[in-house]
Amino acid sequence: MEAKKSGTVSFRLDLDVIKKLKKEAARQDVSLNILANKVFKRYVDWGMFESQVGMVPIARPILDALFKKFDNDEIVDLAQKIGKGIVSDIAKFMKGSMDLDSFMSWFETRMKMSNFEMNHSVQNDTHTYIIKHDLGQNWSLYHKTVLELIFHNIFQKPIKIEINERMFEFSFSA
């Protein structure tokens, strides 16, 4: 793997901001430079697009309570009528294309930005993702439905998905 190229940039920041950044870098046991790279990477990968694509932050307990109010048929209907189109449009806008690699790059970023635990492994050309979210069965069902629609209708690829109330797992061949 080729090392990433880097450059040098100087910034003038408010002293209070510098103090808070140094404190956070110490808390994470990383250098201020590493923390700054993480902050800027998060912004260019996600933050600069959030408002442009209509995303809003919402507390997990609210999301959990909202999804619990739906039955299975309503969740599938929501995923079919709104979810698939919105997810594919957002991924395309943020990544510039809608192929399997760009979608999975967007998906991984989305899971990280949502602070979900994610395990991605590759064995014999089969990618397996395990996402731990703790947001209930309906949250898993929604993602199962959206991913099945995107993989079948857009990528014309089979996908295997297993869900429960704490996590969902899916696998596909590249």
C-alpha atoms as a PDB file:
ATOM      1  CA  MET A   1       0.000   0.000   0.000  1.00  0.00           C
ATOM      2  CA  GLU A   2       1.346   3.392  -0.991  1.00  0.00           C
ATOM      3  CA  ALA A   3       1.815   5.961   1.780  1.00  0.00           C
ATOM      4  CA  LYS A   4      -0.534   8.920   1.629  1.00  0.00           C
ATOM      5  CA  LYS A   5       1.061  12.183   0.622  1.00  0.00           C
ATOM      6  CA  SER A   6       0.766  15.070   3.029  1.00  0.00           C
ATOM      7  CA  GLY A   7       1.327  18.803   2.959  1.00  0.00           C
ATOM      8  CA  THR A   8       1.806  21.582   5.446  1.00  0.00           C
ATOM      9  CA  VAL A   9      -0.779  24.273   6.168  1.00  0.00           C
ATOM     10  CA  SER A  10      -0.834  26.901   8.894  1.00  0.00           C
ATOM     11  CA  PHE A  11      -3.973  28.169  10.628  1.00  0.00           C
ATOM     12  CA  ARG A  12      -4.695  30.891  13.129  1.00  0.00           C
ATOM     13  CA  LEU A  13      -7.223  29.598  15.627  1.00  0.00           C
ATOM     14  CA  ASP A  14      -8.855  31.107  18.679  1.00  0.00           C
ATOM     15  CA  LEU A  15      -6.882  30.259  21.799  1.00  0.00           C
ATOM     16  CA  ASP A  16      -9.959  28.649  23.353  1.00  0.00           C
ATOM     17  CA  VAL A  17     -10.295  26.344  20.326  1.00  0.00           C
ATOM     18  CA  ILE A  18      -6.613  25.399  20.535  1.00  0.00           C
ATOM     19  CA  LYS A  19      -6.950  24.650  24.237  1.00  0.00           C
ATOM     20  CA  LYS A  20      -9.968  22.394  23.652  1.00  0.00           C
ATOM     21  CA  LEU A  21      -8.270  20.612  20.748  1.00  0.00           C
ATOM     22  CA  LYS A  22      -5.134  19.966  22.807  1.00  0.00           C
ATOM     23  CA  LYS A  23      -7.246  18.629  25.663  1.00  0.00           C
ATOM     24  CA  GLU A  24      -9.128  16.301  23.296  1.00  0.00           C
ATOM     25  CA  ALA A  25      -5.885  15.126  21.653  1.00  0.00           C
ATOM     26  CA  ALA A  26      -4.511  14.277  25.105  1.00  0.00           C
ATOM     27  CA  ARG A  27      -7.756  12.460  26.009  1.00  0.00           C
ATOM     28  CA  GLN A  28      -7.484  10.360  22.830  1.00  0.00           C
ATOM     29  CA  ASP A  29      -3.718   9.931  23.392  1.00  0.00           C
ATOM     30  CA  VAL A  30      -2.898  11.240  19.911  1.00  0.00           C
ATOM     31  CA  SER A  31      -0.930  14.221  18.670  1.00  0.00           C
ATOM     32  CA  LEU A  32      -2.676  17.479  17.838  1.00  0.00           C
ATOM     33  CA  ASN A  33      -1.727  16.851  14.190  1.00  0.00           C
ATOM     34  CA  ILE A  34      -3.442  13.437  14.151  1.00  0.00           C
ATOM     35  CA  LEU A  35      -6.548  14.896  15.778  1.00  0.00           C
ATOM     36  CA  ALA A  36      -6.615  17.753  13.244  1.00  0.00           C
ATOM     37  CA  ASN A  37      -6.352  15.234  10.384  1.00  0.00           C
ATOM     38  CA  LYS A  38      -9.268  13.246  11.861  1.00  0.00           C
ATOM     39  CA  VAL A  39     -11.376  16.406  12.202  1.00  0.00           C
ATOM     40  CA  PHE A  40     -10.665  17.561   8.647  1.00  0.00           C
ATOM     41  CA  LYS A  41     -11.179  14.052   7.201  1.00  0.00           C
ATOM     42  CA  ARG A  42     -14.553  13.765   8.949  1.00  0.00           C
ATOM     43  CA  TYR A  43     -15.532  17.129   7.503  1.00  0.00           C
ATOM     44  CA  VAL A  44     -14.527  16.388   3.894  1.00  0.00           C
ATOM     45  CA  ASP A  45     -15.943  12.830   3.960  1.00  0.00           C
ATOM     46  CA  TRP A  46     -19.228  13.712   5.647  1.00  0.00           C
ATOM     47  CA  GLY A  47     -19.719  17.082   7.319  1.00  0.00           C
ATOM     48  CA  MET A  48     -19.575  19.303   4.257  1.00  0.00           C
ATOM     49  CA  PHE A  49     -22.356  17.239   2.623  1.00  0.00           C
ATOM     50  CA  GLU A  50     -24.750  16.782   5.553  1.00  0.00           C
ATOM     51  CA  SER A  51     -26.872  19.877   5.059  1.00  0.00           C
ATOM     52  CA  GLN A  52     -26.634  19.667   1.260  1.00  0.00           C
ATOM     53  CA  VAL A  53     -28.294  16.226   1.233  1.00  0.00           C
ATOM     54  CA  GLY A  54     -30.838  17.064   3.931  1.00  0.00           C
ATOM     55  CA  MET A  55     -29.371  15.081   6.803  1.00  0.00           C
ATOM     56  CA  VAL A  56     -30.063  16.191  10.350  1.00  0.00           C
ATOM     57  CA  PRO A  57     -28.591  14.881  13.585  1.00  0.00           C
ATOM     58  CA  ILE A  58     -31.082  13.093  15.805  1.00  0.00           C
ATOM     59  CA  ALA A  59     -30.591  11.546  19.233  1.00  0.00           C
ATOM     60  CA  ARG A  60     -30.578   7.722  19.275  1.00  0.00           C
ATOM     61  CA  PRO A  61     -33.404   7.432  21.849  1.00  0.00           C
ATOM     62  CA  ILE A  62     -35.680   9.494  19.581  1.00  0.00           C
ATOM     63  CA  LEU A  63     -34.814   7.404  16.519  1.00  0.00           C
ATOM     64  CA  ASP A  64     -35.302   4.217  18.515  1.00  0.00           C
ATOM     65  CA  ALA A  65     -38.722   5.351  19.789  1.00  0.00           C
ATOM     66  CA  LEU A  66     -39.868   6.424  16.303  1.00  0.00           C
ATOM     67  CA  PHE A  67     -38.897   3.132  14.645  1.00  0.00           C
ATOM     68  CA  LYS A  68     -40.628   1.107  17.390  1.00  0.00           C
ATOM     69  CA  LYS A  69     -43.952   2.754  16.473  1.00  0.00           C
ATOM     70  CA  PHE A  70     -44.024   1.054  13.043  1.00  0.00           C
ATOM     71  CA  ASP A  71     -44.984  -2.523  12.259  1.00  0.00           C
ATOM     72  CA  ASN A  72     -42.977  -4.672   9.830  1.00  0.00           C
ATOM     73  CA  ASP A  73     -45.140  -3.824   6.806  1.00  0.00           C
ATOM     74  CA  GLU A  74     -44.797  -0.079   7.481  1.00  0.00           C
ATOM     75  CA  ILE A  75     -41.003  -0.384   7.806  1.00  0.00           C
ATOM     76  CA  VAL A  76     -40.733  -2.276   4.505  1.00  0.00           C
ATOM     77  CA  ASP A  77     -43.054   0.259   2.839  1.00  0.00           C
ATOM     78  CA  LEU A  78     -40.931   3.156   4.145  1.00  0.00           C
ATOM     79  CA  ALA A  79     -37.746   1.507   2.870  1.00  0.00           C
ATOM     80  CA  GLN A  80     -39.282   0.765  -0.542  1.00  0.00           C
ATOM     81  CA  LYS A  81     -40.974   4.129  -1.127  1.00  0.00           C
ATOM     82  CA  ILE A  82     -38.428   6.496   0.396  1.00  0.00           C
ATOM     83  CA  GLY A  83     -35.320   4.760   1.728  1.00  0.00           C
ATOM     84  CA  LYS A  84     -33.915   3.194  -1.423  1.00  0.00           C
ATOM     85  CA  GLY A  85     -34.157   6.381  -3.482  1.00  0.00           C
ATOM     86  CA  ILE A  86     -32.874   8.675  -0.755  1.00  0.00           C
ATOM     87  CA  VAL A  87     -29.961   6.402   0.181  1.00  0.00           C
ATOM     88  CA  SER A  88     -28.827   5.912  -3.420  1.00  0.00           C
ATOM     89  CA  ASP A  89     -29.225   9.648  -4.208  1.00  0.00           C
ATOM     90  CA  ILE A  90     -27.237  10.697  -1.124  1.00  0.00           C
ATOM     91  CA  ALA A  91     -24.495   8.153  -1.796  1.00  0.00           C
ATOM     92  CA  LYS A  92     -24.218   9.253  -5.435  1.00  0.00           C
ATOM     93  CA  PHE A  93     -24.135  12.950  -4.496  1.00  0.00           C
ATOM     94  CA  MET A  94     -21.499  12.483  -1.794  1.00  0.00           C
ATOM     95  CA  LYS A  95     -19.261  10.074  -3.731  1.00  0.00           C
ATOM     96  CA  GLY A  96     -19.834  11.361  -7.278  1.00  0.00           C
ATOM     97  CA  SER A  97     -21.017   8.031  -8.697  1.00  0.00           C
ATOM     98  CA  MET A  98     -23.201   5.081  -7.819  1.00  0.00           C
ATOM     99  CA  ASP A  99     -21.162   1.959  -8.400  1.00  0.00           C
ATOM    100  CA  LEU A 100     -20.545  -0.775  -5.835  1.00  0.00           C
ATOM    101  CA  ASP A 101     -17.189   0.594  -4.632  1.00  0.00           C
ATOM    102  CA  SER A 102     -18.409   4.162  -4.178  1.00  0.00           C
ATOM    103  CA  PHE A 103     -21.600   2.981  -2.463  1.00  0.00           C
ATOM    104  CA  MET A 104     -19.720   0.762  -0.022  1.00  0.00           C
ATOM    105  CA  SER A 105     -17.254   3.572   0.692  1.00  0.00           C
ATOM    106  CA  TRP A 106     -20.219   5.844   1.465  1.00  0.00           C
ATOM    107  CA  PHE A 107     -21.905   3.131   3.547  1.00  0.00           C
ATOM    108  CA  GLU A 108     -18.779   2.565   5.651  1.00  0.00           C
ATOM    109  CA  THR A 109     -18.435   6.309   6.219  1.00  0.00           C
ATOM    110  CA  ARG A 110     -22.096   6.548   7.207  1.00  0.00           C
ATOM    111  CA  MET A 111     -21.733   3.759   9.752  1.00  0.00           C
ATOM    112  CA  LYS A 112     -18.643   5.437  11.230  1.00  0.00           C
ATOM    113  CA  MET A 113     -20.345   8.830  11.389  1.00  0.00           C
ATOM    114  CA  SER A 114     -23.316   7.192  13.130  1.00  0.00           C
ATOM    115  CA  ASN A 115     -20.918   5.670  15.678  1.00  0.00           C
ATOM    116  CA  PHE A 116     -22.081   2.150  14.900  1.00  0.00           C
ATOM    117  CA  GLU A 117     -19.612  -0.648  15.484  1.00  0.00           C
ATOM    118  CA  MET A 118     -18.718  -2.234  12.159  1.00  0.00           C
ATOM    119  CA  ASN A 119     -16.700  -5.296  11.242  1.00  0.00           C
ATOM    120  CA  HIS A 120     -15.760  -5.770   7.585  1.00  0.00           C
ATOM    121  CA  SER A 121     -13.984  -8.894   6.423  1.00  0.00           C
ATOM    122  CA  VAL A 122     -13.144 -10.308   2.999  1.00  0.00           C
ATOM    123  CA  GLN A 123     -12.705 -14.005   2.328  1.00  0.00           C
ATOM    124  CA  ASN A 124     -12.466 -15.561  -1.141  1.00  0.00           C
ATOM    125  CA  ASP A 125     -13.854 -12.421  -2.808  1.00  0.00           C
ATOM    126  CA  THR A 126     -16.850 -12.360  -0.422  1.00  0.00           C
ATOM    127  CA  HIS A 127     -17.304  -9.200   1.631  1.00  0.00           C
ATOM    128  CA  THR A 128     -19.046  -9.550   4.973  1.00  0.00           C
ATOM    129  CA  TYR A 129     -20.197  -6.592   7.050  1.00  0.00           C
ATOM    130  CA  ILE A 130     -21.513  -6.862  10.592  1.00  0.00           C
ATOM    131  CA  ILE A 131     -23.094  -3.679  11.929  1.00  0.00           C
ATOM    132  CA  LYS A 132     -23.912  -3.364  15.639  1.00  0.00           C
ATOM    133  CA  HIS A 133     -26.462  -0.593  16.187  1.00  0.00           C
ATOM    134  CA  ASP A 134     -28.673  -1.502  19.201  1.00  0.00           C
ATOM    135  CA  LEU A 135     -31.656   0.319  17.655  1.00  0.00           C
ATOM    136  CA  GLY A 136     -34.098  -2.565  17.446  1.00  0.00           C
ATOM    137  CA  GLN A 137     -35.476  -5.049  14.953  1.00  0.00           C
ATOM    138  CA  ASN A 138     -37.179  -2.362  12.846  1.00  0.00           C
ATOM    139  CA  TRP A 139     -33.915  -0.498  12.298  1.00  0.00           C
ATOM    140  CA  SER A 140     -32.360  -3.736  11.049  1.00  0.00           C
ATOM    141  CA  LEU A 141     -35.391  -4.515   8.859  1.00  0.00           C
ATOM    142  CA  TYR A 142     -35.273  -1.050   7.292  1.00  0.00           C
ATOM    143  CA  HIS A 143     -31.592  -1.444   6.362  1.00  0.00           C
ATOM    144  CA  LYS A 144     -32.134  -5.008   5.166  1.00  0.00           C
ATOM    145  CA  THR A 145     -34.870  -3.832   2.809  1.00  0.00           C
ATOM    146  CA  VAL A 146     -32.924  -0.826   1.500  1.00  0.00           C
ATOM    147  CA  LEU A 147     -29.745  -2.856   0.931  1.00  0.00           C
ATOM    148  CA  GLU A 148     -31.653  -5.636  -0.847  1.00  0.00           C
ATOM    149  CA  LEU A 149     -33.312  -3.103  -3.151  1.00  0.00           C
ATOM    150  CA  ILE A 150     -30.049  -1.323  -3.966  1.00  0.00           C
ATOM    151  CA  PHE A 151     -28.092  -4.529  -4.548  1.00  0.00           C
ATOM    152  CA  HIS A 152     -30.811  -6.151  -6.670  1.00  0.00           C
ATOM    153  CA  ASN A 153     -32.082  -3.127  -8.618  1.00  0.00           C
ATOM    154  CA  ILE A 154     -28.944  -1.007  -9.029  1.00  0.00           C
ATOM    155  CA  PHE A 155     -25.979  -3.402  -8.828  1.00  0.00           C
ATOM    156  CA  GLN A 156     -27.799  -6.559 -10.045  1.00  0.00           C
ATOM    157  CA  LYS A 157     -25.924  -8.502  -7.368  1.00  0.00           C
ATOM    158  CA  PRO A 158     -27.183 -11.052  -4.884  1.00  0.00           C
ATOM    159  CA  ILE A 159     -26.837 -10.122  -1.216  1.00  0.00           C
ATOM    160  CA  LYS A 160     -27.365 -12.243   1.872  1.00  0.00           C
ATOM    161  CA  ILE A 161     -28.661 -10.411   4.964  1.00  0.00           C
ATOM    162  CA  GLU A 162     -29.380 -11.586   8.494  1.00  0.00           C
ATOM    163  CA  ILE A 163     -30.921  -9.275  11.080  1.00  0.00           C
ATOM    164  CA  ASN A 164     -31.839  -9.084  14.741  1.00  0.00           C
ATOM    165  CA  GLU A 165     -32.677  -6.321  17.204  1.00  0.00           C
ATOM    166  CA  ARG A 166     -29.037  -5.402  17.891  1.00  0.00           C
ATOM    167  CA  MET A 167     -27.290  -5.834  14.554  1.00  0.00           C
ATOM    168  CA  PHE A 168     -27.451  -6.795  10.931  1.00  0.00           C
ATOM    169  CA  GLU A 169     -24.996  -8.776   8.839  1.00  0.00           C
ATOM    170  CA  PHE A 170     -24.742  -8.845   5.085  1.00  0.00           C
ATOM    171  CA  SER A 171     -22.436 -10.422   2.555  1.00  0.00           C
ATOM    172  CA  PHE A 172     -21.914 -10.266  -1.181  1.00  0.00           C
ATOM    173  CA  SER A 173     -19.309 -11.206  -3.753  1.00  0.00           C
ATOM    174  CA  ALA A 174     -17.328  -8.403  -5.352  1.00  0.00           C
END
